[in-house]
Every structure is written in structure tokens, then in C-alpha cells.
């Protein structure tokens, strides 16, 4: 996973970024957009704007052959740590 950072915009959803600086810049731009539209007061959604680092992601595990022809296999999913990034 090369995009380890995210920012959340309640109007636009989740975006992922390669660097912390990109995620912060995006979140600040979203806040600026709310500010520009605040002629009648701030939208409460602005308090949901955030950014962060992705630490884990869903990965497939416990894969087994499926008895029958409906599927190729059965599996489960769980969270796993992302590999450490080189400094």
C-alpha cells in the first residue's frame, strides 16, 4: 500500500494520500471550502473533517476450497498491520 495517509471530507468521502503533508493539505482545503460557504454560519459537518495514518487494512485469511461449484473457495477477513515504511 503506497497511500498510507487519509483525509475525510463528509461531503466527498475518504481520500488516500502518499504523504502526511498531502493529507493535511487536503483537509485544510476542505475546511477552507466550508469557510468560503459560511455566509450563513458554519456547516456542522466541518467538525467531521479529519486526517490520519492508515495502520491496518483488511486482508483475506483462512482460505479453504469450497465444497461444490458455487464458489472457488471460502475465506474470512481480518485486520493486519501494514509493513513498516522506510524512513
PDB file of N, CA and C in Angstrom:
ATOM      1  N   UNK A   1       0.852  -1.169   0.000  1.00  0.00           N
ATOM      2  CA  UNK A   1       0.000   0.000   0.000  1.00  0.00           C
ATOM      3  C   UNK A   1       0.897   1.231   0.000  1.00  0.00           C
ATOM      4  N   UNK A   2       0.814   2.018  -1.053  1.00  0.00           N
ATOM      5  CA  UNK A   2       1.667   3.198  -1.152  1.00  0.00           C
ATOM      6  C   UNK A   2       1.002   4.449  -0.594  1.00  0.00           C
ATOM      7  N   UNK A   3      -0.302   4.437  -0.462  1.00  0.00           N
ATOM      8  CA  UNK A   3      -1.012   5.592   0.090  1.00  0.00           C
ATOM      9  C   UNK A   3      -1.405   5.276   1.527  1.00  0.00           C
ATOM     10  N   UNK A   4      -0.550   5.663   2.459  1.00  0.00           N
ATOM     11  CA  UNK A   4      -0.713   5.300   3.870  1.00  0.00           C
ATOM     12  C   UNK A   4      -1.424   6.357   4.697  1.00  0.00           C
ATOM     13  N   UNK A   5      -1.802   7.466   4.086  1.00  0.00           N
ATOM     14  CA  UNK A   5      -2.459   8.541   4.822  1.00  0.00           C
ATOM     15  C   UNK A   5      -3.830   8.791   4.211  1.00  0.00           C
ATOM     16  N   UNK A   6      -4.726   9.326   5.027  1.00  0.00           N
ATOM     17  CA  UNK A   6      -6.068   9.595   4.531  1.00  0.00           C
ATOM     18  C   UNK A   6      -6.551  10.934   5.055  1.00  0.00           C
ATOM     19  N   UNK A   7      -7.537  11.466   4.374  1.00  0.00           N
ATOM     20  CA  UNK A   7      -8.291  12.616   4.863  1.00  0.00           C
ATOM     21  C   UNK A   7      -9.752  12.314   4.578  1.00  0.00           C
ATOM     22  N   UNK A   8     -10.603  12.777   5.482  1.00  0.00           N
ATOM     23  CA  UNK A   8     -12.032  12.544   5.332  1.00  0.00           C
ATOM     24  C   UNK A   8     -12.753  13.868   5.180  1.00  0.00           C
ATOM     25  N   UNK A   9     -13.570  13.939   4.143  1.00  0.00           N
ATOM     26  CA  UNK A   9     -14.431  15.074   3.848  1.00  0.00           C
ATOM     27  C   UNK A   9     -15.863  14.544   3.880  1.00  0.00           C
ATOM     28  N   UNK A  10     -16.712  15.018   4.794  1.00  0.00           N
ATOM     29  CA  UNK A  10     -18.064  14.466   4.881  1.00  0.00           C
ATOM     30  C   UNK A  10     -18.876  14.639   3.603  1.00  0.00           C
ATOM     31  N   UNK A  11     -18.530  15.610   2.778  1.00  0.00           N
ATOM     32  CA  UNK A  11     -19.233  15.783   1.502  1.00  0.00           C
ATOM     33  C   UNK A  11     -18.652  14.908   0.398  1.00  0.00           C
ATOM     34  N   UNK A  12     -17.346  14.654   0.447  1.00  0.00           N
ATOM     35  CA  UNK A  12     -16.686  13.925  -0.629  1.00  0.00           C
ATOM     36  C   UNK A  12     -16.200  12.542  -0.273  1.00  0.00           C
ATOM     37  N   UNK A  13     -16.199  12.206   1.006  1.00  0.00           N
ATOM     38  CA  UNK A  13     -15.770  10.878   1.412  1.00  0.00           C
ATOM     39  C   UNK A  13     -14.294  10.806   1.757  1.00  0.00           C
ATOM     40  N   UNK A  14     -13.778   9.603   1.752  1.00  0.00           N
ATOM     41  CA  UNK A  14     -12.407   9.315   2.150  1.00  0.00           C
ATOM     42  C   UNK A  14     -11.486   9.403   0.943  1.00  0.00           C
ATOM     43  N   UNK A  15     -10.362  10.092   1.110  1.00  0.00           N
ATOM     44  CA  UNK A  15      -9.319  10.166   0.082  1.00  0.00           C
ATOM     45  C   UNK A  15      -8.032   9.631   0.702  1.00  0.00           C
ATOM     46  N   UNK A  16      -7.208   8.954  -0.099  1.00  0.00           N
ATOM     47  CA  UNK A  16      -5.929   8.460   0.404  1.00  0.00           C
ATOM     48  C   UNK A  16      -4.786   9.207  -0.264  1.00  0.00           C
ATOM     49  N   UNK A  17      -3.651   9.287   0.460  1.00  0.00           N
ATOM     50  CA  UNK A  17      -2.509  10.080   0.014  1.00  0.00           C
ATOM     51  C   UNK A  17      -1.212   9.359   0.331  1.00  0.00           C
ATOM     52  N   UNK A  18      -0.177   9.673  -0.439  1.00  0.00           N
ATOM     53  CA  UNK A  18       1.132   9.060  -0.236  1.00  0.00           C
ATOM     54  C   UNK A  18       1.880   9.685   0.934  1.00  0.00           C
ATOM     55  N   UNK A  19       1.587  10.956   1.247  1.00  0.00           N
ATOM     56  CA  UNK A  19       2.324  11.626   2.316  1.00  0.00           C
ATOM     57  C   UNK A  19       1.383  12.273   3.327  1.00  0.00           C
ATOM     58  N   UNK A  20       1.916  12.463   4.519  1.00  0.00           N
ATOM     59  CA  UNK A  20       1.192  13.155   5.585  1.00  0.00           C
ATOM     60  C   UNK A  20       0.853  14.584   5.152  1.00  0.00           C
ATOM     61  N   UNK A  21       1.815  15.243   4.502  1.00  0.00           N
ATOM     62  CA  UNK A  21       1.613  16.627   4.083  1.00  0.00           C
ATOM     63  C   UNK A  21       0.455  16.760   3.094  1.00  0.00           C
ATOM     64  N   UNK A  22       0.326  15.795   2.179  1.00  0.00           N
ATOM     65  CA  UNK A  22      -0.788  15.832   1.222  1.00  0.00           C
ATOM     66  C   UNK A  22      -2.133  15.683   1.928  1.00  0.00           C
ATOM     67  N   UNK A  23      -2.190  14.795   2.910  1.00  0.00           N
ATOM     68  CA  UNK A  23      -3.438  14.584   3.651  1.00  0.00           C
ATOM     69  C   UNK A  23      -3.821  15.834   4.433  1.00  0.00           C
ATOM     70  N   UNK A  24      -2.846  16.458   5.084  1.00  0.00           N
ATOM     71  CA  UNK A  24      -3.109  17.683   5.842  1.00  0.00           C
ATOM     72  C   UNK A  24      -3.553  18.799   4.906  1.00  0.00           C
ATOM     73  N   UNK A  25      -2.876  18.948   3.777  1.00  0.00           N
ATOM     74  CA  UNK A  25      -3.239  19.999   2.818  1.00  0.00           C
ATOM     75  C   UNK A  25      -4.663  19.802   2.312  1.00  0.00           C
ATOM     76  N   UNK A  26      -5.037  18.567   2.034  1.00  0.00           N
ATOM     77  CA  UNK A  26      -6.394  18.287   1.567  1.00  0.00           C
ATOM     78  C   UNK A  26      -7.413  18.653   2.643  1.00  0.00           C
ATOM     79  N   UNK A  27      -7.164  18.227   3.888  1.00  0.00           N
ATOM     80  CA  UNK A  27      -8.097  18.528   4.980  1.00  0.00           C
ATOM     81  C   UNK A  27      -8.224  20.034   5.181  1.00  0.00           C
ATOM     82  N   UNK A  28      -7.112  20.753   5.108  1.00  0.00           N
ATOM     83  CA  UNK A  28      -7.167  22.213   5.231  1.00  0.00           C
ATOM     84  C   UNK A  28      -7.944  22.852   4.089  1.00  0.00           C
ATOM     85  N   UNK A  29      -7.807  22.314   2.883  1.00  0.00           N
ATOM     86  CA  UNK A  29      -8.562  22.833   1.732  1.00  0.00           C
ATOM     87  C   UNK A  29     -10.057  22.620   1.940  1.00  0.00           C
ATOM     88  N   UNK A  30     -10.433  21.461   2.457  1.00  0.00           N
ATOM     89  CA  UNK A  30     -11.846  21.185   2.733  1.00  0.00           C
ATOM     90  C   UNK A  30     -12.383  22.190   3.755  1.00  0.00           C
ATOM     91  N   UNK A  31     -11.603  22.448   4.811  1.00  0.00           N
ATOM     92  CA  UNK A  31     -12.026  23.436   5.809  1.00  0.00           C
ATOM     93  C   UNK A  31     -12.147  24.814   5.165  1.00  0.00           C
ATOM     94  N   UNK A  32     -11.201  25.164   4.286  1.00  0.00           N
ATOM     95  CA  UNK A  32     -11.291  26.438   3.560  1.00  0.00           C
ATOM     96  C   UNK A  32     -12.574  26.521   2.745  1.00  0.00           C
ATOM     97  N   UNK A  33     -12.949  25.419   2.106  1.00  0.00           N
ATOM     98  CA  UNK A  33     -14.187  25.400   1.316  1.00  0.00           C
ATOM     99  C   UNK A  33     -15.406  25.634   2.206  1.00  0.00           C
ATOM    100  N   UNK A  34     -15.414  25.015   3.384  1.00  0.00           N
ATOM    101  CA  UNK A  34     -16.511  25.261   4.327  1.00  0.00           C
ATOM    102  C   UNK A  34     -16.520  26.729   4.763  1.00  0.00           C
ATOM    103  N   UNK A  35     -15.325  27.292   4.996  1.00  0.00           N
ATOM    104  CA  UNK A  35     -15.213  28.694   5.403  1.00  0.00           C
ATOM    105  C   UNK A  35     -15.796  29.607   4.322  1.00  0.00           C
ATOM    106  N   UNK A  36     -15.451  29.315   3.066  1.00  0.00           N
ATOM    107  CA  UNK A  36     -15.946  30.132   1.949  1.00  0.00           C
ATOM    108  C   UNK A  36     -17.461  30.079   1.827  1.00  0.00           C
ATOM    109  N   UNK A  37     -18.061  28.985   2.271  1.00  0.00           N
ATOM    110  CA  UNK A  37     -19.514  28.812   2.161  1.00  0.00           C
ATOM    111  C   UNK A  37     -20.240  29.164   3.460  1.00  0.00           C
ATOM    112  N   UNK A  38     -19.538  29.797   4.406  1.00  0.00           N
ATOM    113  CA  UNK A  38     -20.105  30.032   5.738  1.00  0.00           C
ATOM    114  C   UNK A  38     -20.797  31.388   5.869  1.00  0.00           C
ATOM    115  N   UNK A  39     -21.336  31.919   4.787  1.00  0.00           N
ATOM    116  CA  UNK A  39     -22.019  33.217   4.853  1.00  0.00           C
ATOM    117  C   UNK A  39     -23.156  33.219   5.866  1.00  0.00           C
ATOM    118  N   UNK A  40     -23.843  32.106   5.986  1.00  0.00           N
ATOM    119  CA  UNK A  40     -24.968  31.992   6.923  1.00  0.00           C
ATOM    120  C   UNK A  40     -24.589  31.192   8.165  1.00  0.00           C
ATOM    121  N   UNK A  41     -23.306  31.043   8.420  1.00  0.00           N
ATOM    122  CA  UNK A  41     -22.838  30.264   9.563  1.00  0.00           C
ATOM    123  C   UNK A  41     -22.143  28.992   9.095  1.00  0.00           C
ATOM    124  N   UNK A  42     -21.358  28.444   9.982  1.00  0.00           N
ATOM    125  CA  UNK A  42     -20.602  27.239   9.668  1.00  0.00           C
ATOM    126  C   UNK A  42     -21.524  26.030   9.564  1.00  0.00           C
ATOM    127  N   UNK A  43     -21.233  25.173   8.602  1.00  0.00           N
ATOM    128  CA  UNK A  43     -21.914  23.885   8.482  1.00  0.00           C
ATOM    129  C   UNK A  43     -21.374  22.969   9.584  1.00  0.00           C
ATOM    130  N   UNK A  44     -22.251  22.290  10.295  1.00  0.00           N
ATOM    131  CA  UNK A  44     -21.825  21.383  11.369  1.00  0.00           C
ATOM    132  C   UNK A  44     -20.921  20.261  10.866  1.00  0.00           C
ATOM    133  N   UNK A  45     -21.015  19.929   9.583  1.00  0.00           N
ATOM    134  CA  UNK A  45     -20.204  18.836   9.034  1.00  0.00           C
ATOM    135  C   UNK A  45     -18.711  19.135   9.066  1.00  0.00           C
ATOM    136  N   UNK A  46     -18.337  20.416   9.162  1.00  0.00           N
ATOM    137  CA  UNK A  46     -16.917  20.768   9.178  1.00  0.00           C
ATOM    138  C   UNK A  46     -16.185  20.066  10.321  1.00  0.00           C
ATOM    139  N   UNK A  47     -16.888  19.778  11.411  1.00  0.00           N
ATOM    140  CA  UNK A  47     -16.245  19.124  12.549  1.00  0.00           C
ATOM    141  C   UNK A  47     -15.926  17.652  12.292  1.00  0.00           C
ATOM    142  N   UNK A  48     -16.377  17.114  11.170  1.00  0.00           N
ATOM    143  CA  UNK A  48     -16.059  15.729  10.811  1.00  0.00           C
ATOM    144  C   UNK A  48     -14.820  15.629   9.923  1.00  0.00           C
ATOM    145  N   UNK A  49     -14.301  16.758   9.457  1.00  0.00           N
ATOM    146  CA  UNK A  49     -13.100  16.746   8.620  1.00  0.00           C
ATOM    147  C   UNK A  49     -11.931  16.265   9.476  1.00  0.00           C
ATOM    148  N   UNK A  50     -11.173  15.295   8.949  1.00  0.00           N
ATOM    149  CA  UNK A  50     -10.033  14.769   9.700  1.00  0.00           C
ATOM    150  C   UNK A  50      -9.024  14.160   8.736  1.00  0.00           C
ATOM    151  N   UNK A  51      -7.848  13.851   9.265  1.00  0.00           N
ATOM    152  CA  UNK A  51      -6.831  13.138   8.502  1.00  0.00           C
ATOM    153  C   UNK A  51      -6.123  12.189   9.466  1.00  0.00           C
ATOM    154  N   UNK A  52      -5.409  11.217   8.915  1.00  0.00           N
ATOM    155  CA  UNK A  52      -4.687  10.290   9.768  1.00  0.00           C
ATOM    156  C   UNK A  52      -3.812   9.344   8.965  1.00  0.00           C
ATOM    157  N   UNK A  53      -3.175   8.430   9.688  1.00  0.00           N
ATOM    158  CA  UNK A  53      -2.317   7.419   9.077  1.00  0.00           C
ATOM    159  C   UNK A  53      -3.014   6.069   9.148  1.00  0.00           C
ATOM    160  N   UNK A  54      -2.992   5.357   8.054  1.00  0.00           N
ATOM    161  CA  UNK A  54      -3.582   4.022   8.000  1.00  0.00           C
ATOM    162  C   UNK A  54      -2.586   3.050   8.622  1.00  0.00           C
ATOM    163  N   UNK A  55      -2.999   2.368   9.665  1.00  0.00           N
ATOM    164  CA  UNK A  55      -2.123   1.437  10.387  1.00  0.00           C
ATOM    165  C   UNK A  55      -2.385  -0.018  10.007  1.00  0.00           C
ATOM    166  N   UNK A  56      -3.646  -0.334   9.725  1.00  0.00           N
ATOM    167  CA  UNK A  56      -4.023  -1.699   9.383  1.00  0.00           C
ATOM    168  C   UNK A  56      -5.009  -1.661   8.228  1.00  0.00           C
ATOM    169  N   UNK A  57      -5.112  -2.803   7.536  1.00  0.00           N
ATOM    170  CA  UNK A  57      -6.116  -2.938   6.484  1.00  0.00           C
ATOM    171  C   UNK A  57      -6.651  -4.359   6.482  1.00  0.00           C
ATOM    172  N   UNK A  58      -7.811  -4.521   5.886  1.00  0.00           N
ATOM    173  CA  UNK A  58      -8.435  -5.844   5.814  1.00  0.00           C
ATOM    174  C   UNK A  58      -7.657  -6.729   4.843  1.00  0.00           C
ATOM    175  N   UNK A  59      -7.403  -7.954   5.274  1.00  0.00           N
ATOM    176  CA  UNK A  59      -6.738  -8.941   4.418  1.00  0.00           C
ATOM    177  C   UNK A  59      -7.484 -10.266   4.517  1.00  0.00           C
ATOM    178  N   UNK A  60      -7.435 -11.011   3.427  1.00  0.00           N
ATOM    179  CA  UNK A  60      -8.078 -12.322   3.396  1.00  0.00           C
ATOM    180  C   UNK A  60      -7.237 -13.315   4.188  1.00  0.00           C
ATOM    181  N   UNK A  61      -7.910 -14.154   4.960  1.00  0.00           N
ATOM    182  CA  UNK A  61      -7.220 -15.249   5.635  1.00  0.00           C
ATOM    183  C   UNK A  61      -8.149 -16.453   5.727  1.00  0.00           C
ATOM    184  N   UNK A  62      -7.589 -17.556   6.163  1.00  0.00           N
ATOM    185  CA  UNK A  62      -8.347 -18.792   6.353  1.00  0.00           C
ATOM    186  C   UNK A  62      -9.048 -19.243   5.062  1.00  0.00           C
ATOM    187  N   UNK A  63      -8.320 -19.172   3.951  1.00  0.00           N
ATOM    188  CA  UNK A  63      -8.893 -19.589   2.666  1.00  0.00           C
ATOM    189  C   UNK A  63      -8.922 -21.106   2.582  1.00  0.00           C
ATOM    190  N   UNK A  64     -10.085 -21.652   2.174  1.00  0.00           N
ATOM    191  CA  UNK A  64     -10.275 -23.102   2.047  1.00  0.00           C
ATOM    192  C   UNK A  64     -11.038 -23.388   0.753  1.00  0.00           C
ATOM    193  N   UNK A  65     -10.810 -24.546   0.161  1.00  0.00           N
ATOM    194  CA  UNK A  65     -11.605 -24.911  -1.017  1.00  0.00           C
ATOM    195  C   UNK A  65     -13.089 -24.964  -0.658  1.00  0.00           C
ATOM    196  N   UNK A  66     -13.916 -24.533  -1.572  1.00  0.00           N
ATOM    197  CA  UNK A  66     -15.371 -24.545  -1.368  1.00  0.00           C
ATOM    198  C   UNK A  66     -15.918 -25.884  -1.835  1.00  0.00           C
ATOM    199  N   UNK A  67     -16.698 -26.560  -0.992  1.00  0.00           N
ATOM    200  CA  UNK A  67     -17.283 -27.832  -1.431  1.00  0.00           C
ATOM    201  C   UNK A  67     -18.437 -27.561  -2.402  1.00  0.00           C
ATOM    202  N   UNK A  68     -18.252 -27.893  -3.629  1.00  0.00           N
ATOM    203  CA  UNK A  68     -19.288 -27.640  -4.629  1.00  0.00           C
ATOM    204  C   UNK A  68     -18.759 -26.722  -5.714  1.00  0.00           C
ATOM    205  N   UNK A  69     -19.661 -26.229  -6.538  1.00  0.00           N
ATOM    206  CA  UNK A  69     -19.241 -25.428  -7.686  1.00  0.00           C
ATOM    207  C   UNK A  69     -19.692 -23.973  -7.616  1.00  0.00           C
ATOM    208  N   UNK A  70     -20.411 -23.594  -6.570  1.00  0.00           N
ATOM    209  CA  UNK A  70     -20.927 -22.224  -6.489  1.00  0.00           C
ATOM    210  C   UNK A  70     -19.804 -21.197  -6.338  1.00  0.00           C
ATOM    211  N   UNK A  71     -18.742 -21.556  -5.620  1.00  0.00           N
ATOM    212  CA  UNK A  71     -17.613 -20.656  -5.389  1.00  0.00           C
ATOM    213  C   UNK A  71     -16.320 -21.438  -5.539  1.00  0.00           C
ATOM    214  N   UNK A  72     -15.211 -20.734  -5.737  1.00  0.00           N
ATOM    215  CA  UNK A  72     -13.902 -21.384  -5.817  1.00  0.00           C
ATOM    216  C   UNK A  72     -13.357 -21.717  -4.433  1.00  0.00           C
ATOM    217  N   UNK A  73     -13.636 -20.846  -3.461  1.00  0.00           N
ATOM    218  CA  UNK A  73     -13.112 -21.047  -2.117  1.00  0.00           C
ATOM    219  C   UNK A  73     -13.972 -20.287  -1.106  1.00  0.00           C
ATOM    220  N   UNK A  74     -13.777 -20.629   0.154  1.00  0.00           N
ATOM    221  CA  UNK A  74     -14.370 -19.891   1.271  1.00  0.00           C
ATOM    222  C   UNK A  74     -13.222 -19.215   2.010  1.00  0.00           C
ATOM    223  N   UNK A  75     -13.498 -18.087   2.626  1.00  0.00           N
ATOM    224  CA  UNK A  75     -12.444 -17.382   3.343  1.00  0.00           C
ATOM    225  C   UNK A  75     -13.050 -16.490   4.416  1.00  0.00           C
ATOM    226  N   UNK A  76     -12.173 -15.860   5.163  1.00  0.00           N
ATOM    227  CA  UNK A  76     -12.569 -14.875   6.156  1.00  0.00           C
ATOM    228  C   UNK A  76     -11.667 -13.663   5.947  1.00  0.00           C
ATOM    229  N   UNK A  77     -11.973 -12.581   6.626  1.00  0.00           N
ATOM    230  CA  UNK A  77     -11.151 -11.377   6.573  1.00  0.00           C
ATOM    231  C   UNK A  77     -10.880 -10.884   7.982  1.00  0.00           C
ATOM    232  N   UNK A  78      -9.733 -10.287   8.160  1.00  0.00           N
ATOM    233  CA  UNK A  78      -9.363  -9.674   9.428  1.00  0.00           C
ATOM    234  C   UNK A  78      -8.399  -8.533   9.165  1.00  0.00           C
ATOM    235  N   UNK A  79      -8.106  -7.759  10.198  1.00  0.00           N
ATOM    236  CA  UNK A  79      -7.174  -6.642  10.065  1.00  0.00           C
ATOM    237  C   UNK A  79      -5.748  -7.118  10.262  1.00  0.00           C
ATOM    238  N   UNK A  80      -4.834  -6.553   9.462  1.00  0.00           N
ATOM    239  CA  UNK A  80      -3.413  -6.859   9.590  1.00  0.00           C
ATOM    240  C   UNK A  80      -2.628  -5.557   9.508  1.00  0.00           C
ATOM    241  N   UNK A  81      -1.529  -5.499  10.268  1.00  0.00           N
ATOM    242  CA  UNK A  81      -0.662  -4.325  10.233  1.00  0.00           C
ATOM    243  C   UNK A  81      -0.065  -4.152   8.846  1.00  0.00           C
ATOM    244  N   UNK A  82       0.136  -2.909   8.458  1.00  0.00           N
ATOM    245  CA  UNK A  82       0.845  -2.622   7.220  1.00  0.00           C
ATOM    246  C   UNK A  82       2.338  -2.769   7.475  1.00  0.00           C
ATOM    247  N   UNK A  83       3.105  -3.118   6.457  1.00  0.00           N
ATOM    248  CA  UNK A  83       4.555  -3.194   6.646  1.00  0.00           C
ATOM    249  C   UNK A  83       5.103  -1.818   7.027  1.00  0.00           C
ATOM    250  N   UNK A  84       6.170  -1.807   7.811  1.00  0.00           N
ATOM    251  CA  UNK A  84       6.794  -0.540   8.205  1.00  0.00           C
ATOM    252  C   UNK A  84       7.336   0.162   6.968  1.00  0.00           C
ATOM    253  N   UNK A  85       7.243   1.475   6.986  1.00  0.00           N
ATOM    254  CA  UNK A  85       7.777   2.266   5.876  1.00  0.00           C
ATOM    255  C   UNK A  85       9.233   2.602   6.156  1.00  0.00           C
ATOM    256  N   UNK A  86      10.033   2.646   5.100  1.00  0.00           N
ATOM    257  CA  UNK A  86      11.427   3.058   5.246  1.00  0.00           C
ATOM    258  C   UNK A  86      11.468   4.546   5.576  1.00  0.00           C
ATOM    259  N   UNK A  87      12.295   4.915   6.507  1.00  0.00           N
ATOM    260  CA  UNK A  87      12.414   6.329   6.910  1.00  0.00           C
ATOM    261  C   UNK A  87      13.263   7.082   5.926  1.00  0.00           C
TER     262      UNK A  87
END
